[in-house]
Protein backbone atom coordinates (compact mmCIF):
# COMPACT_ATOMS: atom_id res chain seq x y z
CA MET A 1 -66.06 -4.46 43.32
CA ARG A 2 -63.15 -5.10 41.13
CA SER A 3 -60.09 -2.70 40.02
CA GLY A 4 -58.85 -2.04 36.67
CA SER A 5 -56.22 -4.89 37.23
CA GLY A 6 -58.79 -7.39 37.77
CA ARG A 7 -58.07 -7.66 41.49
CA SER A 8 -60.56 -7.12 44.23
CA LEU A 9 -59.91 -3.85 46.10
CA ALA A 10 -61.32 -5.58 49.23
CA GLY A 11 -58.03 -7.62 49.10
CA MET A 12 -55.67 -4.73 49.19
CA PRO A 13 -53.68 -3.69 52.35
CA LEU A 14 -54.92 -1.52 54.99
CA SER A 15 -54.97 2.05 55.15
CA ARG A 16 -56.44 4.44 52.45
CA PRO A 17 -54.01 5.47 49.59
CA VAL A 18 -52.83 9.15 49.05
CA PRO A 19 -54.78 10.66 51.96
CA TRP A 20 -53.26 14.09 51.47
CA VAL A 21 -54.77 14.80 48.08
CA SER A 22 -58.22 15.98 49.14
CA PRO A 23 -56.93 18.25 51.95
CA VAL A 24 -54.23 19.87 49.78
CA LEU A 25 -56.71 20.67 47.29
CA TYR A 26 -59.33 22.05 49.83
CA GLY A 27 -56.69 24.36 51.12
CA ALA A 28 -55.73 25.65 47.76
CA VAL A 29 -59.31 26.32 46.87
CA LEU A 30 -59.75 27.97 50.16
CA VAL A 31 -56.71 30.24 49.59
CA ALA A 32 -57.97 31.25 46.17
CA GLY A 33 -61.46 31.82 47.10
CA LEU A 34 -60.52 33.91 50.21
CA TYR A 35 -58.09 35.98 48.09
CA ALA A 36 -60.70 36.58 45.39
CA TRP A 37 -63.24 37.72 48.11
CA LEU A 38 -60.78 40.07 49.73
CA ALA A 39 -59.65 41.44 46.47
CA GLY A 40 -63.17 41.84 45.29
CA LEU A 41 -62.85 39.43 42.39
CA GLY A 42 -66.00 37.67 41.31
CA ASP A 43 -69.03 37.11 43.46
CA THR A 44 -67.72 35.16 46.48
CA ARG A 45 -70.28 34.24 49.31
CA PRO A 46 -67.81 33.50 52.02
CA VAL A 47 -70.25 31.85 54.35
CA LEU A 48 -71.48 29.25 51.93
CA PHE A 49 -68.08 29.06 50.48
CA THR A 50 -66.08 28.27 53.74
CA GLY A 51 -68.84 26.25 55.41
CA GLY A 52 -68.89 23.88 52.17
CA LEU A 53 -65.27 23.27 52.45
CA ALA A 54 -65.43 22.68 56.16
CA ALA A 55 -68.47 20.15 55.40
CA LEU A 56 -66.11 18.54 53.20
CA ALA A 57 -63.14 18.12 55.44
CA LEU A 58 -65.57 16.90 58.28
CA LEU A 59 -67.18 14.32 55.76
CA ASP A 60 -63.63 13.08 54.78
CA LEU A 61 -62.63 13.05 58.77
CA LEU A 62 -65.84 11.04 59.56
CA GLU A 63 -65.77 8.49 56.85
CA ARG A 64 -61.95 7.70 57.70
CA ARG A 65 -63.02 7.14 61.37
CA ARG A 66 -66.03 5.09 60.37
CA TYR A 67 -64.30 3.05 57.79
CA PRO A 68 -60.51 3.22 58.60
CA ASP A 69 -59.68 0.48 56.07
CA ARG A 70 -62.04 0.69 52.92
CA THR A 71 -65.59 2.10 52.45
CA PRO A 72 -68.26 -0.41 51.43
CA PRO A 73 -69.86 0.08 48.23
CA TRP A 74 -73.24 1.56 49.28
CA PRO A 75 -71.83 4.17 51.93
CA ALA A 76 -69.07 4.94 49.29
CA ALA A 77 -71.70 5.74 46.90
CA ALA A 78 -73.90 7.88 49.27
CA LEU A 79 -70.83 9.81 50.40
CA LEU A 80 -69.80 10.28 46.85
CA GLY A 81 -73.20 11.90 46.12
CA ALA A 82 -72.78 14.14 49.13
CA ARG A 83 -69.34 15.11 48.05
CA ILE A 84 -70.69 16.03 44.43
CA ALA A 85 -73.37 18.28 46.08
CA LEU A 86 -70.88 20.02 48.26
CA PHE A 87 -68.46 20.63 45.40
CA ALA A 88 -71.40 22.24 43.26
CA ALA A 89 -72.28 24.55 46.43
CA VAL A 90 -68.68 25.44 47.02
CA ALA A 91 -68.28 26.11 43.11
CA ALA A 92 -71.26 28.36 43.16
CA ALA A 93 -70.12 30.34 46.10
CA ASP A 94 -66.56 30.76 44.86
CA GLY A 95 -65.85 34.08 42.86
CA SER A 96 -62.37 32.82 42.00
CA GLU A 97 -63.93 29.79 39.83
CA LEU A 98 -61.07 27.51 41.09
CA SER A 99 -63.45 25.39 42.95
CA ARG A 100 -64.39 23.65 39.84
CA ALA A 101 -61.18 21.75 40.27
CA LEU A 102 -62.74 19.97 43.30
CA PHE A 103 -64.56 17.85 40.84
CA VAL A 104 -61.41 16.10 39.85
CA LEU A 105 -61.86 14.44 43.27
CA VAL A 106 -64.79 12.49 42.01
CA PRO A 107 -63.37 9.95 39.49
CA PHE A 108 -60.26 9.94 42.01
CA THR A 109 -62.48 8.83 45.31
CA ALA A 110 -64.58 6.35 42.96
CA TYR A 111 -61.52 4.71 41.98
CA PHE A 112 -60.73 3.01 45.10
CA ALA A 113 -64.45 2.27 45.89
CA PHE A 114 -65.58 1.05 42.58
CA GLY A 115 -62.58 0.44 40.34
CA ARG A 116 -60.95 1.73 37.13
CA THR A 117 -64.38 1.57 35.02
CA VAL A 118 -66.64 3.58 36.92
CA ALA A 119 -63.63 6.25 37.76
CA CYS A 120 -63.22 6.61 33.87
CA VAL A 121 -66.96 7.12 33.38
CA LEU A 122 -67.44 9.59 35.88
CA ALA A 123 -64.38 11.38 34.84
CA VAL A 124 -65.96 11.95 31.20
CA ALA A 125 -69.12 12.71 33.02
CA CYS A 126 -67.26 15.42 34.61
CA ALA A 127 -65.62 16.54 31.66
CA LEU A 128 -68.90 16.93 29.77
CA ALA A 129 -70.83 18.58 32.73
CA LEU A 130 -68.25 21.41 32.78
CA THR A 131 -68.41 21.57 29.00
CA ALA A 132 -72.20 21.73 29.14
CA ALA A 133 -72.00 24.54 31.96
CA GLY A 134 -69.66 26.69 29.71
CA ALA A 135 -72.35 26.07 26.63
CA VAL A 136 -74.97 27.68 29.03
CA ALA A 137 -72.97 30.38 30.19
CA GLY A 138 -72.12 31.39 26.65
CA PRO A 139 -73.24 30.09 23.43
CA ARG A 140 -69.72 30.82 21.91
CA TRP A 141 -67.74 29.53 24.80
CA TYR A 142 -65.49 27.55 22.41
CA ALA A 143 -64.43 30.99 20.87
CA ASP A 144 -63.57 32.04 24.35
CA VAL A 145 -59.78 31.20 24.83
CA GLU A 146 -59.83 31.44 28.57
CA GLN A 147 -62.83 29.03 28.91
CA VAL A 148 -61.21 26.55 26.38
CA SER A 149 -58.08 26.79 28.41
CA ASP A 150 -59.96 26.07 31.81
CA LEU A 151 -61.65 23.36 30.14
CA LEU A 152 -58.42 21.65 28.62
CA MET A 153 -56.62 22.26 32.29
CA PHE A 154 -59.54 20.47 33.96
CA GLY A 155 -59.38 17.52 31.48
CA VAL A 156 -55.47 16.93 32.32
CA GLY A 157 -56.17 17.40 35.90
CA LEU A 158 -58.79 14.51 35.65
CA VAL A 159 -56.43 12.41 33.67
CA LEU A 160 -53.72 12.88 36.17
CA THR A 161 -55.93 12.04 39.22
CA VAL A 162 -57.14 8.93 37.48
CA THR A 163 -53.47 8.07 36.77
CA MET A 164 -52.50 8.66 40.31
CA ALA A 165 -55.13 6.59 41.74
CA ALA A 166 -54.41 3.78 39.24
CA VAL A 167 -50.68 4.19 40.44
CA ALA A 168 -51.77 3.96 44.04
CA VAL A 169 -53.91 0.82 43.52
CA GLU A 170 -51.22 -0.94 41.77
CA GLU A 171 -48.74 0.02 44.38
CA ARG A 172 -51.15 -1.42 47.11
CA ARG A 173 -51.43 -4.69 45.00
CA LEU A 174 -47.67 -5.03 44.66
CA ARG A 175 -47.34 -4.42 48.41
CA ALA A 176 -50.05 -7.05 49.13
CA ASP A 177 -48.32 -9.60 46.81
CA LEU A 178 -44.87 -8.82 48.43
CA ALA A 179 -46.42 -9.50 51.95
CA ALA A 180 -47.93 -12.88 50.79
CA SER A 181 -44.61 -13.78 49.07
CA THR A 182 -42.83 -12.98 52.05
CA ALA A 183 -45.27 -14.93 54.19
CA LYS A 184 -44.91 -17.58 51.83
CA VAL A 185 -41.31 -17.98 52.01
CA ALA A 186 -41.33 -17.61 55.69
CA GLU A 187 -43.94 -20.56 55.98
CA LEU A 188 -41.89 -22.62 53.50
CA SER A 189 -38.53 -21.73 55.62
CA ALA A 190 -40.30 -22.92 58.76
CA THR A 191 -41.61 -26.11 57.16
CA ALA A 192 -38.15 -26.90 55.72
CA GLU A 193 -36.66 -26.07 59.14
CA ARG A 194 -39.07 -28.59 60.77
CA ASN A 195 -38.62 -31.39 58.36
CA ARG A 196 -34.65 -30.97 58.94
CA VAL A 197 -35.27 -31.26 62.65
CA ALA A 198 -37.42 -34.18 62.07
CA ARG A 199 -34.57 -35.82 60.13
CA ASP A 200 -32.16 -35.32 62.50
CA ILE A 201 -34.14 -36.32 65.46
CA HIS A 202 -34.57 -39.47 63.63
CA ASP A 203 -31.03 -39.95 62.36
CA ASP A 204 -29.32 -39.08 65.71
CA LEU A 205 -31.58 -40.16 68.41
CA GLY A 206 -33.55 -42.84 66.52
CA HIS A 207 -30.10 -44.54 65.82
CA HIS A 208 -29.09 -44.71 69.41
CA LEU A 209 -32.56 -45.31 70.65
CA THR A 210 -32.90 -48.35 68.40
CA ALA A 211 -29.50 -49.65 69.68
CA ILE A 212 -30.62 -49.18 73.25
CA ALA A 213 -33.87 -51.05 72.69
CA VAL A 214 -31.97 -53.97 71.12
CA LEU A 215 -29.66 -54.18 73.95
CA LEU A 216 -32.36 -54.04 76.58
CA GLU A 217 -34.21 -56.76 74.95
CA LYS A 218 -31.15 -58.81 75.05
CA ALA A 219 -30.62 -57.96 78.80
CA THR A 220 -34.20 -59.21 79.47
CA ALA A 221 -33.76 -62.39 77.41
CA PHE A 222 -30.57 -63.35 78.88
CA ARG A 223 -31.26 -62.03 82.52
CA ASP A 224 -31.82 -65.66 83.88
CA ARG A 225 -29.92 -67.63 81.53
CA ASN A 226 -26.40 -65.51 81.24
CA PRO A 227 -26.59 -62.85 83.70
CA GLY A 228 -23.00 -61.79 82.61
CA ALA A 229 -24.51 -61.06 79.18
CA ALA A 230 -27.33 -59.30 80.52
CA ASP A 231 -25.10 -57.08 82.35
CA ARG A 232 -22.84 -56.27 79.17
CA ALA A 233 -26.18 -55.55 77.49
CA ILE A 234 -27.12 -52.98 80.04
CA LEU A 235 -23.57 -51.46 80.04
CA ASP A 236 -23.74 -51.04 76.31
CA ALA A 237 -27.21 -49.49 76.53
CA HIS A 238 -25.92 -46.84 79.03
CA ASP A 239 -22.99 -46.27 76.66
CA SER A 240 -25.50 -45.83 73.56
CA ALA A 241 -27.52 -43.52 75.87
CA ARG A 242 -24.22 -41.62 76.81
CA ARG A 243 -23.35 -41.34 72.95
CA ALA A 244 -26.66 -39.97 72.17
CA LEU A 245 -26.48 -37.30 74.74
CA ASP A 246 -22.89 -36.44 73.29
CA ASN A 247 -24.47 -36.14 69.92
CA VAL A 248 -27.11 -33.84 71.02
CA ARG A 249 -24.53 -31.53 72.68
CA ARG A 250 -22.31 -31.78 69.82
CA SER A 251 -25.21 -30.88 67.36
CA VAL A 252 -26.01 -27.75 69.69
CA ARG A 253 -22.59 -26.88 69.93
CA THR A 254 -22.07 -27.09 66.05
CA LEU A 255 -24.90 -24.59 65.50
CA ARG A 256 -23.81 -22.17 68.07
CA GLU A 257 -20.18 -22.11 66.74
CA GLU A 258 -20.80 -22.89 63.09
CA ARG A 259 -18.00 -25.33 63.13
CA PRO A 260 -17.19 -26.87 59.60
CA PHE A 261 -18.58 -30.34 59.26
CA ASN A 262 -15.84 -32.97 58.74
CA LEU A 263 -17.14 -36.21 57.09
CA SER A 264 -14.12 -38.56 57.73
CA GLU A 265 -14.03 -37.78 61.41
CA ALA A 266 -17.94 -37.92 61.71
CA LEU A 267 -17.99 -41.31 60.16
CA ALA A 268 -14.95 -42.60 62.27
CA ASP A 269 -16.89 -41.62 65.38
CA LEU A 270 -20.02 -43.25 64.14
CA VAL A 271 -18.02 -46.36 63.47
CA ALA A 272 -16.30 -46.41 66.55
CA GLY A 273 -19.57 -46.15 68.54
CA GLN A 274 -20.91 -49.21 67.13
CA ALA A 275 -18.41 -51.40 69.26
CA GLY A 276 -20.27 -53.73 71.63
CA ASP A 277 -23.61 -52.65 70.43
CA ASP A 278 -25.25 -56.37 70.17
CA GLY A 279 -22.03 -57.81 68.39
CA LEU A 280 -22.41 -55.75 65.06
CA ALA A 281 -19.17 -55.28 63.60
CA VAL A 282 -18.73 -52.27 61.38
CA HIS A 283 -15.76 -51.58 58.90
CA LEU A 284 -15.09 -48.08 57.53
CA GLU A 285 -13.00 -47.13 54.56
CA PHE A 286 -12.51 -43.64 53.55
CA ALA A 287 -10.69 -42.08 50.47
CA GLY A 288 -10.56 -38.74 48.90
CA GLU A 289 -10.38 -35.06 50.00
CA GLU A 290 -13.43 -33.18 51.31
CA SER A 291 -12.31 -29.89 50.24
CA GLY A 292 -14.78 -28.64 47.30
CA HIS A 293 -17.61 -30.50 48.42
CA GLY A 294 -20.74 -28.80 50.01
CA THR A 295 -21.47 -29.21 53.61
CA ALA A 296 -24.96 -30.15 52.62
CA ALA A 297 -23.76 -33.08 50.47
CA LEU A 298 -21.00 -34.02 53.32
CA ARG A 299 -23.91 -34.17 55.80
CA ALA A 300 -26.03 -36.19 53.58
CA LEU A 301 -23.37 -38.80 53.06
CA TYR A 302 -23.01 -39.16 56.88
CA ARG A 303 -26.74 -39.28 57.45
CA ALA A 304 -26.97 -42.09 54.93
CA ALA A 305 -24.47 -44.04 56.45
CA GLN A 306 -26.10 -43.62 59.89
CA GLU A 307 -29.47 -44.42 58.49
CA GLY A 308 -27.69 -47.73 56.77
CA ILE A 309 -26.28 -49.00 59.86
CA THR A 310 -29.27 -48.38 61.90
CA ASN A 311 -31.41 -50.40 59.53
CA ALA A 312 -28.78 -53.37 59.24
CA ARG A 313 -29.22 -53.63 62.98
CA ARG A 314 -32.89 -52.99 63.41
CA HIS A 315 -34.41 -54.56 60.25
CA ALA A 316 -31.80 -56.87 58.77
CA HIS A 317 -30.29 -58.23 61.82
CA ALA A 318 -26.95 -58.21 60.21
CA THR A 319 -23.79 -59.17 61.98
CA ARG A 320 -21.18 -57.37 59.67
CA VAL A 321 -21.59 -53.79 58.10
CA SER A 322 -18.88 -52.15 55.85
CA VAL A 323 -19.16 -48.40 54.93
CA THR A 324 -17.10 -47.15 52.09
CA ALA A 325 -16.83 -43.38 51.26
CA ALA A 326 -14.95 -42.32 48.05
CA LEU A 327 -14.57 -38.43 47.40
CA ASP A 328 -12.88 -37.02 44.24
CA ALA A 329 -13.34 -34.20 41.68
CA ALA A 330 -16.31 -35.65 40.05
CA GLY A 331 -18.38 -36.17 43.25
CA ALA A 332 -19.02 -38.21 46.32
CA THR A 333 -20.02 -42.06 46.68
CA LEU A 334 -20.93 -43.74 49.82
CA VAL A 335 -21.72 -47.44 49.84
CA VAL A 336 -23.10 -49.20 52.97
CA ARG A 337 -23.28 -53.05 52.69
CA ASP A 338 -24.53 -55.37 55.31
CA ASP A 339 -24.92 -59.37 55.46
CA GLY A 340 -28.33 -59.29 56.80
CA ARG A 341 -31.67 -60.73 55.35
CA GLY A 342 -32.04 -58.45 52.51
CA PHE A 343 -34.15 -55.36 51.39
CA THR A 344 -37.80 -55.60 50.40
CA PRO A 345 -38.49 -53.12 47.64
CA GLY A 346 -41.48 -50.83 48.50
CA ARG A 347 -41.18 -50.93 52.11
CA GLU A 348 -39.20 -47.69 53.13
CA GLY A 349 -39.94 -45.96 56.29
CA TYR A 350 -39.72 -42.37 57.56
CA GLY A 351 -35.76 -42.82 57.84
CA LEU A 352 -35.15 -43.79 54.26
CA LEU A 353 -37.49 -41.06 53.13
CA GLY A 354 -35.76 -38.27 55.21
CA MET A 355 -32.40 -39.63 53.61
CA ARG A 356 -33.55 -39.69 50.11
CA GLU A 357 -34.64 -35.88 50.87
CA ARG A 358 -31.50 -34.97 52.00
CA VAL A 359 -29.37 -36.64 49.07
CA GLN A 360 -31.82 -35.10 46.65
CA ALA A 361 -31.53 -31.53 48.03
CA ALA A 362 -27.74 -31.96 47.54
CA GLY A 363 -28.22 -32.88 44.15
CA GLY A 364 -27.49 -36.64 44.29
CA ARG A 365 -29.33 -39.93 44.18
CA VAL A 366 -29.90 -42.99 46.32
CA ASP A 367 -30.14 -46.61 45.25
CA ILE A 368 -31.07 -49.65 47.40
CA GLY A 369 -31.05 -53.25 46.49
CA GLY A 370 -29.83 -56.51 47.37
CA ALA A 371 -26.53 -57.93 46.98
CA ASP A 372 -25.26 -61.08 45.11
CA ALA A 373 -24.06 -62.92 48.15
CA GLY A 374 -27.19 -61.76 50.07
CA GLY A 375 -27.80 -58.65 52.40
CA THR A 376 -28.41 -55.20 51.32
CA VAL A 377 -26.51 -52.57 49.46
CA LEU A 378 -27.10 -48.79 50.02
CA THR A 379 -25.40 -46.70 47.57
CA VAL A 380 -25.42 -42.77 47.55
CA THR A 381 -23.92 -40.71 44.74
CA ILE A 382 -23.81 -36.81 44.95
CA PRO A 383 -21.90 -34.84 42.33
CA ARG A 384 -19.30 -32.46 43.34
CA ARG A 385 -20.88 -29.04 43.44
CA ALA A 386 -19.23 -26.29 45.72
CA GLU A 387 -21.48 -24.37 48.01
CA PRO A 388 -22.07 -20.68 47.15
């Protein structure tokens, strides 16, 4: 069944809403009925009266134990019919006549099982039934101020209980939406973190592992022809492995200590670490102040430089690479230029994809193309945007 808001009640959060309403009403009716019996007001039959209320309380208890989350439609309909019969029995045995208030629970209970439309129909039916009962008891019931007042109060009670049920259902829906949104945010955060870690692994370890692979290939090729060159390549591979380990330790330390990222120092370390790696010469030019530029933008520039150098060595087989970084009040620009065999459009691997994601997340753009004199030019531009 559907609720009045168009949402399925089966999809609502667990636990029954406002479970205290029925017990409170049973208690009020019990007190009023026993008082009327002891005071001799009306015709109260205590055994049937108290037994009926006890049966209602037991029925509620059994239903909650059997269906702790939500009662299915058919059992809910059977239980509703049983409650109506017990309401009628208690009302017939109550000299105080307050037991008629129990019938406000009919649309209230039906709202959670069948939705708003059924609850409103039953509310109208209860009002009409009470009006018919008054007409049978006295032809001129409408002239009796007390009976008209009781009928109006009963109508108000029906409206209030249906409204309460609607508010409870809406609250449950909002809680469900909030829980779903929270879960979605957590999932997106986890996905973003996984992507960030994947990019870091590729950019840091991938860079050094590429250098190690190239150097070991060189050592293998020169092992017989030039043992000295092979030994130097192995030493350089060891050096690259050590730098990779240092980078991992530095990254962990940075995460733990939340130290500010310094682009000029990071680029200087990156360029210095290229010395001796397969004869690739890397030159750095840095200009400007880093203050006022967000950490995400600075890290994106560093990763772009790292990726550009790695690609120049691994794919372009370049011998010279220049890294130029310029930061000013308008933004930051990084240019990585090599003298390799050029860039083929449409052939971007995971590294370039990750670099584009980083730069775009920082609000910048990436341009890759060939240089006039040959080679590849990687340009990263990020407008200045201070972090919140």
